[in-house]
Amino acid sequence: MVLQNKTILITGASSGIGAAAARMFAEEGANLVLAARRKDRLEAVRDALHEATGRVVVFSGDISDPGFSEASVNVALETFGQLDGAFNNAGMPGEMGPLAEMDLQSWNEVISTNLTSAFLAARYQIPAMAKSGGGSIVFTSSFVGHTIGLPGMAAYAASKAGLIGLTQVIAVECGPQNIRVNALLPGGTKTEMAGDDPAFHEHVANLHALKRMAEPEEIAEAARFLLSDAGSFVTGSAMLCDGGNSITKA
């Protein structure tokens, strides 16, 4: 029960890794604010946690909206009185294609959703955690743009690489306030974003040393470590949880 009584905000909590984290953290006794665009999906995740020991509230909105981050932090403070951790997990792959054929609107949408939203999140999460005596912030980044470049994913790679730089700077700035900041870099994971084509899943699996894709719960486990006191001396890291994707060439 390493998250017992901790208040944690999870974005992208309506499905995939975020929903898996919600289930796991609630069973650990954490108090949760689950945030995403789809309110009905959030409520379904919350309702499935009726046997969990932690308390759960939902907040729907768009992470690229400048008011979203402030409002979601306020929900945590008003409901639970503090904020101890944030798993900033929401994001999007964006339109795929050669950079020379990408329009500015598509580029801006990905950067806004994946990177600018992280700036906005940290801007409000940091003061709230400082008042609680410290905390942990985790951003979901990617091996794409860090250890490998995939054709057609320039905006995604740039946004996810930017998260790592942002993580490092915030970690240095906030270390004296006992706030740890890390980026989590999953490998291919069985989520809605990955689709349900078996041939594609087999192709992705073969890119990993373990020759399989991750279950969402496996990535949530890594996030739990970073958010808990078990990771108390880990900050400023780009933590790979990628099944050996980054070291595989065959």
Protein backbone atom coordinates (compact mmCIF):
# COMPACT_ATOMS: atom_id res chain seq x y z
CA MET A 1 0.00 0.00 0.00
CA VAL A 2 2.74 2.43 -0.99
CA LEU A 3 0.22 5.05 -2.13
CA GLN A 4 -2.00 4.86 0.95
CA ASN A 5 -3.66 8.23 1.63
CA LYS A 6 -1.74 10.00 -1.13
CA THR A 7 -3.78 12.25 -3.41
CA ILE A 8 -2.88 11.69 -7.06
CA LEU A 9 -4.14 13.32 -10.23
CA ILE A 10 -4.20 11.13 -13.35
CA THR A 11 -4.84 12.56 -16.80
CA GLY A 12 -5.83 10.34 -19.69
CA ALA A 13 -7.56 8.20 -17.08
CA SER A 14 -10.51 7.08 -19.20
CA SER A 15 -8.67 4.22 -20.93
CA GLY A 16 -5.39 2.40 -21.47
CA ILE A 17 -2.48 3.16 -19.18
CA GLY A 18 -4.37 5.87 -17.31
CA ALA A 19 -7.30 3.59 -16.50
CA ALA A 20 -4.92 0.80 -15.44
CA ALA A 21 -3.15 3.25 -13.14
CA ALA A 22 -6.47 4.35 -11.68
CA ARG A 23 -7.38 0.78 -10.78
CA MET A 24 -3.97 0.04 -9.31
CA PHE A 25 -3.61 3.27 -7.35
CA ALA A 26 -7.13 3.07 -5.92
CA GLU A 27 -6.46 -0.47 -4.71
CA GLU A 28 -3.34 0.94 -3.03
CA GLY A 29 -5.54 3.32 -1.03
CA ALA A 30 -4.76 6.50 -2.95
CA ASN A 31 -7.27 9.31 -3.29
CA LEU A 32 -7.65 10.01 -6.99
CA VAL A 33 -8.73 12.75 -9.36
CA LEU A 34 -9.33 11.07 -12.71
CA ALA A 35 -9.24 13.49 -15.62
CA ALA A 36 -9.89 13.08 -19.35
CA ARG A 37 -12.17 14.38 -22.10
CA ARG A 38 -14.74 11.57 -22.03
CA LYS A 39 -16.82 11.97 -18.89
CA ASP A 40 -18.84 8.80 -19.48
CA ARG A 41 -15.67 6.72 -19.75
CA LEU A 42 -14.24 8.34 -16.63
CA GLU A 43 -17.38 7.55 -14.69
CA ALA A 44 -17.23 3.94 -15.88
CA VAL A 45 -13.65 3.65 -14.61
CA ARG A 46 -14.66 5.22 -11.30
CA ASP A 47 -17.71 2.98 -10.89
CA ALA A 48 -15.59 -0.12 -11.43
CA LEU A 49 -13.53 0.85 -8.38
CA HIS A 50 -16.32 0.41 -5.84
CA GLU A 51 -14.30 -2.14 -3.85
CA ALA A 52 -11.13 -0.04 -3.76
CA THR A 53 -10.07 1.58 -0.51
CA GLY A 54 -9.19 4.94 -2.06
CA ARG A 55 -11.70 7.68 -2.84
CA VAL A 56 -12.17 8.74 -6.46
CA VAL A 57 -13.57 11.84 -8.18
CA VAL A 58 -13.68 12.59 -11.90
CA PHE A 59 -13.04 15.77 -13.85
CA SER A 60 -13.68 16.02 -17.58
CA GLY A 61 -11.99 18.48 -19.89
CA ASP A 62 -9.37 19.02 -22.59
CA ILE A 63 -5.75 19.07 -21.38
CA SER A 64 -4.83 21.58 -24.10
CA ASP A 65 -7.31 24.06 -22.58
CA PRO A 66 -5.29 26.56 -20.49
CA GLY A 67 -7.89 26.37 -17.72
CA PHE A 68 -7.89 22.57 -17.45
CA SER A 69 -4.79 22.17 -15.31
CA GLU A 70 -5.73 24.83 -12.78
CA ALA A 71 -9.25 23.45 -12.47
CA SER A 72 -8.13 19.83 -12.05
CA VAL A 73 -5.66 20.80 -9.32
CA ASN A 74 -8.38 22.79 -7.58
CA VAL A 75 -10.62 19.70 -7.60
CA ALA A 76 -7.88 17.78 -5.78
CA LEU A 77 -7.36 20.53 -3.22
CA GLU A 78 -11.07 21.14 -2.62
CA THR A 79 -11.89 17.43 -2.35
CA PHE A 80 -8.89 15.99 -0.55
CA GLY A 81 -7.05 19.03 0.82
CA GLN A 82 -3.74 18.36 -0.90
CA LEU A 83 -1.94 17.07 -3.98
CA ASP A 84 0.87 14.54 -3.54
CA GLY A 85 1.36 13.24 -7.06
CA ALA A 86 0.41 13.72 -10.69
CA PHE A 87 0.57 11.20 -13.52
CA ASN A 88 0.36 13.44 -16.59
CA ASN A 89 -0.41 10.66 -18.99
CA ALA A 90 -2.82 12.09 -21.59
CA GLY A 91 -1.52 12.60 -25.10
CA MET A 92 -2.08 11.95 -28.79
CA PRO A 93 -0.05 10.53 -31.72
CA GLY A 94 -1.39 13.09 -34.18
CA GLU A 95 -1.61 12.84 -37.93
CA MET A 96 1.17 10.67 -39.35
CA GLY A 97 3.05 11.49 -42.53
CA PRO A 98 6.24 13.05 -43.93
CA LEU A 99 7.22 16.33 -42.29
CA ALA A 100 7.25 18.17 -45.61
CA GLU A 101 3.58 17.31 -46.05
CA MET A 102 2.47 18.24 -42.53
CA ASP A 103 0.41 21.40 -42.10
CA LEU A 104 0.99 23.82 -39.26
CA GLN A 105 -2.36 23.11 -37.64
CA SER A 106 -1.55 19.41 -37.26
CA TRP A 107 1.88 20.22 -35.82
CA ASN A 108 0.46 22.73 -33.34
CA GLU A 109 -2.26 20.33 -32.20
CA VAL A 110 0.25 17.65 -31.22
CA ILE A 111 2.65 20.08 -29.56
CA SER A 112 -0.21 21.71 -27.65
CA THR A 113 -1.67 18.42 -26.47
CA ASN A 114 1.55 16.61 -25.59
CA LEU A 115 4.00 19.34 -24.55
CA THR A 116 2.30 22.67 -23.82
CA SER A 117 -0.24 20.85 -21.66
CA ALA A 118 2.65 19.48 -19.59
CA PHE A 119 3.93 23.02 -18.99
CA LEU A 120 0.45 24.07 -17.91
CA ALA A 121 0.09 21.02 -15.67
CA ALA A 122 3.38 21.62 -13.89
CA ARG A 123 2.63 25.32 -13.51
CA TYR A 124 -0.29 24.51 -11.19
CA GLN A 125 0.79 21.19 -9.74
CA ILE A 126 4.09 22.48 -8.39
CA PRO A 127 2.66 25.13 -6.01
CA ALA A 128 0.02 22.70 -4.75
CA MET A 129 2.64 20.04 -3.97
CA ALA A 130 4.96 22.57 -2.37
CA LYS A 131 2.20 23.47 0.10
CA SER A 132 1.89 19.78 0.98
CA GLY A 133 5.61 19.49 1.67
CA GLY A 134 6.58 17.85 -1.61
CA GLY A 135 5.36 15.36 -4.16
CA SER A 136 6.05 13.56 -7.41
CA ILE A 137 5.21 14.49 -11.01
CA VAL A 138 5.39 11.92 -13.81
CA PHE A 139 5.04 12.75 -17.50
CA THR A 140 4.37 10.01 -20.05
CA SER A 141 7.00 10.51 -22.75
CA SER A 142 8.12 7.91 -25.32
CA PHE A 143 11.09 6.07 -26.75
CA VAL A 144 10.07 7.76 -30.02
CA GLY A 145 12.20 10.87 -30.25
CA HIS A 146 14.54 9.63 -27.52
CA THR A 147 16.15 6.37 -28.63
CA ILE A 148 14.59 5.98 -32.07
CA GLY A 149 13.00 8.00 -34.84
CA LEU A 150 9.96 6.57 -36.59
CA PRO A 151 9.05 7.93 -40.05
CA GLY A 152 5.91 10.03 -40.10
CA MET A 153 5.99 10.90 -36.39
CA ALA A 154 7.94 14.18 -36.35
CA ALA A 155 5.47 16.15 -34.24
CA TYR A 156 4.95 13.29 -31.80
CA ALA A 157 8.70 12.73 -31.45
CA ALA A 158 9.39 16.43 -30.94
CA SER A 159 6.69 16.73 -28.29
CA LYS A 160 7.79 13.64 -26.38
CA ALA A 161 11.48 14.59 -26.55
CA GLY A 162 10.51 18.04 -25.30
CA LEU A 163 8.90 16.43 -22.26
CA ILE A 164 12.26 14.98 -21.25
CA GLY A 165 13.95 18.37 -21.39
CA LEU A 166 11.08 19.90 -19.45
CA THR A 167 11.34 17.12 -16.87
CA GLN A 168 15.04 17.76 -16.30
CA VAL A 169 14.66 21.49 -15.78
CA ILE A 170 11.67 21.21 -13.45
CA ALA A 171 13.44 18.50 -11.44
CA VAL A 172 16.36 20.86 -10.79
CA GLU A 173 14.10 23.80 -10.01
CA CYS A 174 11.85 21.86 -7.64
CA GLY A 175 14.32 19.56 -5.91
CA PRO A 176 14.74 21.96 -2.96
CA GLN A 177 10.95 21.83 -2.47
CA ASN A 178 11.05 18.03 -2.21
CA ILE A 179 9.22 17.66 -5.53
CA ARG A 180 10.50 14.90 -7.78
CA VAL A 181 9.86 15.04 -11.53
CA ASN A 182 10.38 12.16 -13.96
CA ALA A 183 9.49 11.13 -17.49
CA LEU A 184 8.22 7.60 -18.12
CA LEU A 185 8.97 6.12 -21.55
CA PRO A 186 6.73 3.14 -22.35
CA GLY A 187 7.29 0.74 -25.21
CA GLY A 188 4.50 -0.52 -27.43
CA THR A 189 1.46 -1.02 -25.20
CA LYS A 190 -1.88 -2.72 -25.80
CA THR A 191 -4.14 0.33 -25.69
CA GLU A 192 -6.78 1.87 -27.95
CA MET A 193 -4.03 3.93 -29.58
CA ALA A 194 -2.38 0.71 -30.77
CA GLY A 195 -5.57 -0.52 -32.42
CA ASP A 196 -6.62 -4.15 -32.60
CA ASP A 197 -4.95 -5.43 -35.79
CA PRO A 198 -3.11 -8.70 -34.87
CA ALA A 199 -0.62 -8.27 -37.72
CA PHE A 200 0.31 -4.79 -36.51
CA HIS A 201 0.63 -6.03 -32.93
CA GLU A 202 2.96 -8.80 -34.09
CA HIS A 203 5.08 -6.28 -35.99
CA VAL A 204 5.32 -4.00 -32.95
CA ALA A 205 6.07 -6.92 -30.63
CA ASN A 206 9.05 -7.89 -32.77
CA LEU A 207 10.57 -4.45 -32.25
CA HIS A 208 11.08 -5.31 -28.58
CA ALA A 209 13.72 -7.54 -26.98
CA LEU A 210 10.92 -9.31 -25.08
CA LYS A 211 9.08 -9.92 -28.39
CA ARG A 212 5.76 -8.78 -27.00
CA MET A 213 3.84 -5.60 -26.26
CA ALA A 214 3.26 -4.34 -22.76
CA GLU A 215 0.02 -4.67 -20.86
CA PRO A 216 -1.19 -1.27 -19.59
CA GLU A 217 -0.76 -2.52 -16.02
CA GLU A 218 2.97 -3.01 -16.57
CA ILE A 219 3.41 0.66 -17.43
CA ALA A 220 1.18 1.64 -14.50
CA GLU A 221 3.50 -0.33 -12.20
CA ALA A 222 6.43 1.81 -13.31
CA ALA A 223 4.39 4.97 -12.72
CA ARG A 224 3.46 3.73 -9.25
CA PHE A 225 7.14 3.32 -8.41
CA LEU A 226 7.95 6.86 -9.51
CA LEU A 227 4.98 8.33 -7.65
CA SER A 228 5.60 6.44 -4.42
CA ASP A 229 8.22 6.80 -1.73
CA ALA A 230 9.92 3.73 -3.22
CA GLY A 231 11.29 6.12 -5.84
CA SER A 232 12.32 8.74 -3.29
CA PHE A 233 15.80 9.31 -4.77
CA VAL A 234 14.75 9.23 -8.43
CA THR A 235 14.28 12.59 -10.13
CA GLY A 236 15.07 14.12 -13.50
CA SER A 237 15.13 10.71 -15.16
CA ALA A 238 13.89 9.45 -18.50
CA MET A 239 12.85 6.02 -17.27
CA LEU A 240 12.55 3.43 -20.02
CA CYS A 241 9.82 0.83 -19.55
CA ASP A 242 10.03 -0.36 -23.14
CA GLY A 243 10.61 -4.11 -23.14
CA GLY A 244 14.05 -3.57 -24.66
CA ASN A 245 12.71 -1.67 -27.67
CA SER A 246 15.52 0.86 -27.49
CA ILE A 247 18.26 -1.77 -27.67
CA THR A 248 16.74 -3.98 -30.36
CA LYS A 249 18.01 -3.76 -33.93
CA ALA A 250 16.99 -7.19 -35.23
